[in-house]
Amino acid sequence: MNSLILASVLNKDEPMQPLDALLLAVIGIAVVFVVLIALMFIIWLMGKIFDGSDKLKEKHPEWGEKLAKTKEKMMFWKKKENKEPAESFEVQEVAEGTCGDVKLINVSERDAAMIMAIVADSTGTPLNELRFVSIKKVEEEK
């Protein structure tokens, strides 16, 4: 290795040595990480500034609710405490070979039957061994 100076690495008259190429790669990776750390710090600092800004809180009071909802969504891995009492389910007598009733919410019986058939086929389980509690149609938000 001729020299560790970057100018010698970029000398086009000589072929690049493996150690010079390694040095150039390490310098490039180091620059990328330094810039990423600087951006992370700038974003963290801006968040702290805007969280502590009383003028913004007075001007936009609705942001507090949006911020709380966003933080709640971001903490999806934390367990939520269920403050509502658990519903008591009544045990009903059902016919042999069935697994109870299913609650349909905005779904036709035909569509529910198709969904149940698809689930039974996908899992390879007979339909009379599956238990569906409810089937709900979810509308897309615009």
N, C-alpha and C. Protein backbone atom coordinates (compact mmCIF):
# COMPACT_ATOMS: atom_id res chain seq x y z
N MET A 1 0.85 -1.17 0.00
CA MET A 1 0.00 0.00 0.00
C MET A 1 0.90 1.24 0.00
N ASN A 2 0.69 2.08 -0.98
CA ASN A 2 1.57 3.24 -1.15
C ASN A 2 1.38 4.25 -0.04
N SER A 3 0.15 4.64 0.18
CA SER A 3 -0.09 5.69 1.16
C SER A 3 -1.55 5.62 1.60
N LEU A 4 -1.84 6.12 2.78
CA LEU A 4 -3.21 6.13 3.27
C LEU A 4 -3.91 7.45 2.97
N ILE A 5 -3.28 8.28 2.21
CA ILE A 5 -3.88 9.56 1.87
C ILE A 5 -4.90 9.33 0.76
N LEU A 6 -6.06 9.97 0.89
CA LEU A 6 -7.15 9.77 -0.06
C LEU A 6 -6.74 10.18 -1.47
N ALA A 7 -5.87 11.14 -1.59
CA ALA A 7 -5.44 11.58 -2.92
C ALA A 7 -4.70 10.45 -3.64
N SER A 8 -3.93 9.67 -2.89
CA SER A 8 -3.21 8.57 -3.53
C SER A 8 -4.16 7.45 -3.92
N VAL A 9 -5.27 7.31 -3.19
CA VAL A 9 -6.26 6.31 -3.54
C VAL A 9 -6.91 6.65 -4.87
N LEU A 10 -7.12 7.92 -5.10
CA LEU A 10 -7.80 8.35 -6.31
C LEU A 10 -6.83 8.65 -7.46
N ASN A 11 -5.58 8.26 -7.35
CA ASN A 11 -4.61 8.45 -8.40
C ASN A 11 -4.95 7.50 -9.55
N LYS A 12 -5.22 8.04 -10.72
CA LYS A 12 -5.66 7.22 -11.85
C LYS A 12 -4.50 6.61 -12.63
N ASP A 13 -3.27 7.00 -12.31
CA ASP A 13 -2.13 6.46 -13.02
C ASP A 13 -1.79 5.05 -12.54
N GLU A 14 -2.07 4.75 -11.28
CA GLU A 14 -1.74 3.43 -10.71
C GLU A 14 -3.03 2.65 -10.50
N PRO A 15 -2.96 1.34 -10.59
CA PRO A 15 -4.15 0.54 -10.26
C PRO A 15 -4.42 0.60 -8.76
N MET A 16 -5.71 0.51 -8.40
CA MET A 16 -6.08 0.61 -6.99
C MET A 16 -5.71 -0.69 -6.26
N GLN A 17 -5.08 -0.54 -5.15
CA GLN A 17 -4.69 -1.67 -4.31
C GLN A 17 -5.90 -2.11 -3.47
N PRO A 18 -5.96 -3.38 -3.08
CA PRO A 18 -7.12 -3.84 -2.27
C PRO A 18 -7.28 -3.10 -0.95
N LEU A 19 -6.16 -2.78 -0.28
CA LEU A 19 -6.27 -2.04 0.97
C LEU A 19 -6.78 -0.62 0.74
N ASP A 20 -6.38 -0.02 -0.39
CA ASP A 20 -6.88 1.32 -0.72
C ASP A 20 -8.39 1.27 -0.99
N ALA A 21 -8.84 0.24 -1.67
CA ALA A 21 -10.27 0.10 -1.95
C ALA A 21 -11.05 -0.10 -0.65
N LEU A 22 -10.48 -0.88 0.26
CA LEU A 22 -11.12 -1.10 1.55
C LEU A 22 -11.20 0.19 2.35
N LEU A 23 -10.13 0.97 2.32
CA LEU A 23 -10.10 2.26 3.02
C LEU A 23 -11.16 3.19 2.44
N LEU A 24 -11.27 3.24 1.14
CA LEU A 24 -12.26 4.11 0.49
C LEU A 24 -13.68 3.67 0.85
N ALA A 25 -13.93 2.37 0.91
CA ALA A 25 -15.25 1.87 1.28
C ALA A 25 -15.58 2.22 2.73
N VAL A 26 -14.62 2.07 3.63
CA VAL A 26 -14.84 2.39 5.04
C VAL A 26 -15.12 3.87 5.21
N ILE A 27 -14.40 4.71 4.50
CA ILE A 27 -14.64 6.15 4.58
C ILE A 27 -16.05 6.48 4.08
N GLY A 28 -16.46 5.87 2.99
CA GLY A 28 -17.80 6.12 2.46
C GLY A 28 -18.89 5.68 3.43
N ILE A 29 -18.73 4.50 4.02
CA ILE A 29 -19.72 4.02 4.99
C ILE A 29 -19.75 4.92 6.22
N ALA A 30 -18.59 5.36 6.67
CA ALA A 30 -18.53 6.25 7.83
C ALA A 30 -19.25 7.56 7.56
N VAL A 31 -19.07 8.10 6.37
CA VAL A 31 -19.75 9.35 6.01
C VAL A 31 -21.27 9.16 6.02
N VAL A 32 -21.74 8.05 5.48
CA VAL A 32 -23.18 7.77 5.45
C VAL A 32 -23.73 7.69 6.88
N PHE A 33 -23.04 6.96 7.77
CA PHE A 33 -23.53 6.83 9.14
C PHE A 33 -23.50 8.15 9.89
N VAL A 34 -22.47 8.96 9.67
CA VAL A 34 -22.41 10.27 10.32
C VAL A 34 -23.58 11.14 9.89
N VAL A 35 -23.90 11.14 8.61
CA VAL A 35 -25.03 11.93 8.11
C VAL A 35 -26.35 11.40 8.67
N LEU A 36 -26.53 10.08 8.73
CA LEU A 36 -27.75 9.52 9.29
C LEU A 36 -27.90 9.87 10.76
N ILE A 37 -26.83 9.83 11.52
CA ILE A 37 -26.89 10.19 12.93
C ILE A 37 -27.22 11.67 13.09
N ALA A 38 -26.66 12.52 12.23
CA ALA A 38 -26.95 13.95 12.28
C ALA A 38 -28.43 14.20 11.96
N LEU A 39 -28.97 13.52 10.96
CA LEU A 39 -30.39 13.69 10.63
C LEU A 39 -31.27 13.20 11.77
N MET A 40 -30.91 12.09 12.38
CA MET A 40 -31.68 11.57 13.52
C MET A 40 -31.69 12.59 14.66
N PHE A 41 -30.56 13.19 14.94
CA PHE A 41 -30.48 14.18 16.00
C PHE A 41 -31.32 15.41 15.66
N ILE A 42 -31.28 15.87 14.42
CA ILE A 42 -32.06 17.04 14.01
C ILE A 42 -33.55 16.76 14.15
N ILE A 43 -34.00 15.59 13.73
CA ILE A 43 -35.42 15.24 13.85
C ILE A 43 -35.84 15.13 15.31
N TRP A 44 -34.97 14.54 16.15
CA TRP A 44 -35.27 14.44 17.58
C TRP A 44 -35.37 15.84 18.20
N LEU A 45 -34.45 16.73 17.83
CA LEU A 45 -34.43 18.08 18.36
C LEU A 45 -35.69 18.85 17.94
N MET A 46 -36.10 18.71 16.68
CA MET A 46 -37.31 19.38 16.21
C MET A 46 -38.54 18.88 16.96
N GLY A 47 -38.61 17.59 17.22
CA GLY A 47 -39.72 17.03 17.99
C GLY A 47 -39.78 17.61 19.38
N LYS A 48 -38.64 17.74 20.05
CA LYS A 48 -38.60 18.31 21.39
C LYS A 48 -39.01 19.78 21.37
N ILE A 49 -38.59 20.51 20.35
CA ILE A 49 -38.96 21.93 20.25
C ILE A 49 -40.46 22.07 20.05
N PHE A 50 -41.05 21.29 19.15
CA PHE A 50 -42.48 21.42 18.88
C PHE A 50 -43.34 20.86 20.00
N ASP A 51 -42.85 19.87 20.74
CA ASP A 51 -43.61 19.35 21.88
C ASP A 51 -43.70 20.39 22.99
N GLY A 52 -42.67 21.19 23.15
CA GLY A 52 -42.65 22.17 24.21
C GLY A 52 -43.18 23.53 23.82
N SER A 53 -43.64 23.70 22.60
CA SER A 53 -44.10 25.00 22.12
C SER A 53 -45.53 25.26 22.58
N ASP A 54 -45.69 26.22 23.51
CA ASP A 54 -47.02 26.57 24.00
C ASP A 54 -47.83 27.34 22.96
N LYS A 55 -47.16 28.13 22.12
CA LYS A 55 -47.88 28.90 21.10
C LYS A 55 -48.56 27.97 20.10
N LEU A 56 -47.86 26.90 19.71
CA LEU A 56 -48.47 25.95 18.77
C LEU A 56 -49.64 25.22 19.41
N LYS A 57 -49.51 24.90 20.71
CA LYS A 57 -50.60 24.21 21.39
C LYS A 57 -51.84 25.10 21.50
N GLU A 58 -51.63 26.41 21.71
CA GLU A 58 -52.76 27.33 21.78
C GLU A 58 -53.38 27.54 20.40
N LYS A 59 -52.56 27.63 19.38
CA LYS A 59 -53.06 27.90 18.04
C LYS A 59 -53.78 26.70 17.44
N HIS A 60 -53.31 25.49 17.74
CA HIS A 60 -53.88 24.26 17.19
C HIS A 60 -54.19 23.27 18.32
N PRO A 61 -55.28 23.45 19.04
CA PRO A 61 -55.59 22.53 20.14
C PRO A 61 -55.97 21.13 19.67
N GLU A 62 -56.44 21.00 18.43
CA GLU A 62 -56.84 19.68 17.91
C GLU A 62 -55.63 18.78 17.67
N TRP A 63 -54.45 19.34 17.61
CA TRP A 63 -53.25 18.53 17.39
C TRP A 63 -52.98 17.62 18.58
N GLY A 64 -53.40 18.03 19.77
CA GLY A 64 -53.17 17.20 20.96
C GLY A 64 -53.85 15.85 20.84
N GLU A 65 -55.11 15.85 20.37
CA GLU A 65 -55.84 14.60 20.19
C GLU A 65 -55.20 13.75 19.10
N LYS A 66 -54.84 14.38 17.99
CA LYS A 66 -54.22 13.64 16.88
C LYS A 66 -52.89 13.04 17.33
N LEU A 67 -52.12 13.78 18.10
CA LEU A 67 -50.84 13.29 18.58
C LEU A 67 -51.03 12.11 19.52
N ALA A 68 -52.04 12.20 20.40
CA ALA A 68 -52.30 11.10 21.33
C ALA A 68 -52.72 9.85 20.57
N LYS A 69 -53.58 9.99 19.55
CA LYS A 69 -54.01 8.84 18.76
C LYS A 69 -52.84 8.23 18.00
N THR A 70 -51.98 9.08 17.46
CA THR A 70 -50.82 8.58 16.71
C THR A 70 -49.86 7.83 17.63
N LYS A 71 -49.62 8.37 18.82
CA LYS A 71 -48.74 7.68 19.77
C LYS A 71 -49.35 6.35 20.19
N GLU A 72 -50.68 6.31 20.35
CA GLU A 72 -51.35 5.07 20.72
C GLU A 72 -51.19 4.02 19.62
N LYS A 73 -51.31 4.44 18.36
CA LYS A 73 -51.14 3.51 17.24
C LYS A 73 -49.70 3.02 17.14
N MET A 74 -48.74 3.89 17.47
CA MET A 74 -47.34 3.51 17.37
C MET A 74 -46.95 2.53 18.46
N MET A 75 -47.68 2.50 19.57
CA MET A 75 -47.39 1.60 20.68
C MET A 75 -48.24 0.34 20.59
N PHE A 76 -48.38 -0.21 19.40
CA PHE A 76 -49.27 -1.35 19.18
C PHE A 76 -48.80 -2.60 19.91
N TRP A 77 -47.52 -2.70 20.24
CA TRP A 77 -47.02 -3.91 20.86
C TRP A 77 -47.30 -3.95 22.36
N LYS A 78 -47.64 -2.80 22.95
CA LYS A 78 -47.94 -2.80 24.37
C LYS A 78 -49.35 -3.32 24.59
N LYS A 79 -49.53 -4.07 25.66
CA LYS A 79 -50.84 -4.61 25.95
C LYS A 79 -51.76 -3.51 26.45
N LYS A 80 -52.97 -3.53 25.92
CA LYS A 80 -53.98 -2.56 26.35
C LYS A 80 -54.77 -3.17 27.50
N GLU A 81 -55.02 -2.37 28.50
CA GLU A 81 -55.83 -2.85 29.61
C GLU A 81 -57.29 -2.74 29.22
N ASN A 82 -58.01 -3.81 29.37
CA ASN A 82 -59.42 -3.82 29.04
C ASN A 82 -60.19 -3.34 30.26
N LYS A 83 -60.67 -2.09 30.21
CA LYS A 83 -61.37 -1.51 31.35
C LYS A 83 -62.85 -1.90 31.36
N GLU A 84 -63.36 -2.38 30.24
CA GLU A 84 -64.75 -2.79 30.18
C GLU A 84 -64.87 -4.21 30.72
N PRO A 85 -65.97 -4.49 31.43
CA PRO A 85 -66.14 -5.86 31.93
C PRO A 85 -66.36 -6.83 30.77
N ALA A 86 -65.86 -8.02 30.94
CA ALA A 86 -66.00 -9.03 29.89
C ALA A 86 -67.46 -9.44 29.76
N GLU A 87 -67.88 -9.64 28.52
CA GLU A 87 -69.26 -10.06 28.28
C GLU A 87 -69.43 -11.51 28.70
N SER A 88 -70.58 -11.79 29.27
CA SER A 88 -70.84 -13.18 29.65
C SER A 88 -71.60 -13.84 28.51
N PHE A 89 -71.10 -14.98 28.07
CA PHE A 89 -71.72 -15.70 26.98
C PHE A 89 -72.59 -16.81 27.55
N GLU A 90 -73.79 -16.89 27.03
CA GLU A 90 -74.69 -17.95 27.46
C GLU A 90 -74.38 -19.22 26.67
N VAL A 91 -74.37 -20.33 27.35
CA VAL A 91 -74.14 -21.60 26.69
C VAL A 91 -75.48 -22.09 26.16
N GLN A 92 -75.57 -22.27 24.87
CA GLN A 92 -76.82 -22.71 24.26
C GLN A 92 -76.65 -24.12 23.75
N GLU A 93 -77.75 -24.84 23.75
CA GLU A 93 -77.75 -26.18 23.16
C GLU A 93 -77.75 -26.03 21.65
N VAL A 94 -76.84 -26.72 20.98
CA VAL A 94 -76.76 -26.66 19.53
C VAL A 94 -76.92 -28.05 18.96
N ALA A 95 -77.28 -28.10 17.71
CA ALA A 95 -77.48 -29.39 17.04
C ALA A 95 -76.14 -30.09 16.88
N GLU A 96 -76.17 -31.39 16.81
CA GLU A 96 -74.96 -32.17 16.64
C GLU A 96 -74.32 -31.86 15.29
N GLY A 97 -73.02 -31.64 15.30
CA GLY A 97 -72.31 -31.33 14.05
C GLY A 97 -72.22 -29.84 13.77
N THR A 98 -72.78 -29.00 14.64
CA THR A 98 -72.66 -27.55 14.46
C THR A 98 -71.85 -26.98 15.61
N CYS A 99 -71.37 -25.78 15.41
CA CYS A 99 -70.55 -25.14 16.45
C CYS A 99 -71.16 -23.82 16.91
N GLY A 100 -72.46 -23.67 16.84
CA GLY A 100 -73.10 -22.47 17.38
C GLY A 100 -73.54 -21.50 16.31
N ASP A 101 -73.87 -20.28 16.78
CA ASP A 101 -74.36 -19.22 15.91
C ASP A 101 -73.22 -18.30 15.51
N VAL A 102 -73.43 -17.59 14.43
CA VAL A 102 -72.47 -16.59 13.97
C VAL A 102 -73.21 -15.27 13.84
N LYS A 103 -72.57 -14.20 14.31
CA LYS A 103 -73.16 -12.88 14.23
C LYS A 103 -72.69 -12.23 12.94
N LEU A 104 -73.63 -11.81 12.08
CA LEU A 104 -73.29 -11.18 10.80
C LEU A 104 -73.47 -9.67 10.93
N ILE A 105 -72.43 -8.93 10.60
CA ILE A 105 -72.48 -7.47 10.69
C ILE A 105 -72.21 -6.90 9.30
N ASN A 106 -73.24 -6.34 8.68
CA ASN A 106 -73.17 -5.76 7.32
C ASN A 106 -72.70 -6.77 6.28
N VAL A 107 -73.08 -8.04 6.46
CA VAL A 107 -72.70 -9.09 5.53
C VAL A 107 -73.94 -9.93 5.24
N SER A 108 -74.15 -10.23 3.98
CA SER A 108 -75.28 -11.08 3.62
C SER A 108 -74.96 -12.54 3.99
N GLU A 109 -76.01 -13.34 4.12
CA GLU A 109 -75.80 -14.76 4.47
C GLU A 109 -75.01 -15.48 3.38
N ARG A 110 -75.24 -15.10 2.12
CA ARG A 110 -74.53 -15.71 1.01
C ARG A 110 -73.02 -15.44 1.11
N ASP A 111 -72.67 -14.16 1.37
CA ASP A 111 -71.25 -13.81 1.49
C ASP A 111 -70.61 -14.50 2.70
N ALA A 112 -71.36 -14.58 3.80
CA ALA A 112 -70.83 -15.25 5.00
C ALA A 112 -70.58 -16.73 4.71
N ALA A 113 -71.49 -17.36 3.99
CA ALA A 113 -71.32 -18.77 3.65
C ALA A 113 -70.08 -18.97 2.78
N MET A 114 -69.85 -18.03 1.84
CA MET A 114 -68.66 -18.11 0.99
C MET A 114 -67.38 -17.96 1.82
N ILE A 115 -67.38 -17.02 2.75
CA ILE A 115 -66.21 -16.79 3.59
C ILE A 115 -65.92 -18.03 4.43
N MET A 116 -66.98 -18.61 5.01
CA MET A 116 -66.78 -19.80 5.84
C MET A 116 -66.27 -20.97 5.00
N ALA A 117 -66.78 -21.11 3.79
CA ALA A 117 -66.32 -22.19 2.92
C ALA A 117 -64.85 -22.00 2.52
N ILE A 118 -64.46 -20.75 2.26
CA ILE A 118 -63.07 -20.47 1.88
C ILE A 118 -62.13 -20.77 3.05
N VAL A 119 -62.52 -20.37 4.26
CA VAL A 119 -61.68 -20.62 5.43
C VAL A 119 -61.55 -22.12 5.67
N ALA A 120 -62.67 -22.85 5.56
CA ALA A 120 -62.63 -24.30 5.77
C ALA A 120 -61.73 -24.97 4.74
N ASP A 121 -61.82 -24.52 3.48
CA ASP A 121 -61.00 -25.11 2.42
C ASP A 121 -59.52 -24.77 2.62
N SER A 122 -59.23 -23.52 3.00
CA SER A 122 -57.84 -23.09 3.17
C SER A 122 -57.17 -23.82 4.33
N THR A 123 -57.91 -24.04 5.42
CA THR A 123 -57.32 -24.69 6.58
C THR A 123 -57.38 -26.20 6.50
N GLY A 124 -58.21 -26.72 5.60
CA GLY A 124 -58.35 -28.16 5.47
C GLY A 124 -59.16 -28.77 6.62
N THR A 125 -59.96 -27.96 7.28
CA THR A 125 -60.78 -28.39 8.41
C THR A 125 -62.23 -28.50 7.95
N PRO A 126 -62.93 -29.55 8.35
CA PRO A 126 -64.36 -29.63 8.00
C PRO A 126 -65.12 -28.45 8.58
N LEU A 127 -66.11 -27.98 7.84
CA LEU A 127 -66.86 -26.79 8.24
C LEU A 127 -67.57 -26.97 9.57
N ASN A 128 -68.03 -28.19 9.88
CA ASN A 128 -68.74 -28.38 11.14
C ASN A 128 -67.82 -28.41 12.35
N GLU A 129 -66.49 -28.38 12.13
CA GLU A 129 -65.55 -28.32 13.24
C GLU A 129 -65.03 -26.91 13.50
N LEU A 130 -65.37 -25.98 12.62
CA LEU A 130 -64.96 -24.59 12.79
C LEU A 130 -66.03 -23.84 13.57
N ARG A 131 -65.62 -22.82 14.33
CA ARG A 131 -66.56 -21.99 15.07
C ARG A 131 -66.31 -20.55 14.70
N PHE A 132 -67.31 -19.92 14.07
CA PHE A 132 -67.24 -18.52 13.70
C PHE A 132 -68.09 -17.75 14.71
N VAL A 133 -67.49 -16.76 15.36
CA VAL A 133 -68.22 -15.95 16.32
C VAL A 133 -68.95 -14.82 15.60
N SER A 134 -68.24 -14.11 14.73
CA SER A 134 -68.88 -13.02 13.98
C SER A 134 -68.11 -12.81 12.68
N ILE A 135 -68.83 -12.28 11.71
CA ILE A 135 -68.23 -11.89 10.43
C ILE A 135 -68.68 -10.47 10.17
N LYS A 136 -67.71 -9.57 9.98
CA LYS A 136 -68.01 -8.16 9.84
C LYS A 136 -67.40 -7.63 8.56
N LYS A 137 -68.17 -6.86 7.81
CA LYS A 137 -67.66 -6.23 6.60
C LYS A 137 -66.96 -4.94 6.99
N VAL A 138 -65.73 -4.79 6.54
CA VAL A 138 -64.94 -3.60 6.86
C VAL A 138 -64.93 -2.71 5.63
N GLU A 139 -65.37 -1.48 5.80
CA GLU A 139 -65.40 -0.52 4.70
C GLU A 139 -64.04 0.18 4.60
N GLU A 140 -63.61 0.45 3.40
CA GLU A 140 -62.34 1.16 3.20
C GLU A 140 -62.57 2.64 3.44
N GLU A 141 -61.58 3.28 4.08
CA GLU A 141 -61.65 4.72 4.31
C GLU A 141 -61.22 5.45 3.05
N LYS A 142 -61.89 6.53 2.75
CA LYS A 142 -61.55 7.33 1.57
C LYS A 142 -60.63 8.45 1.92
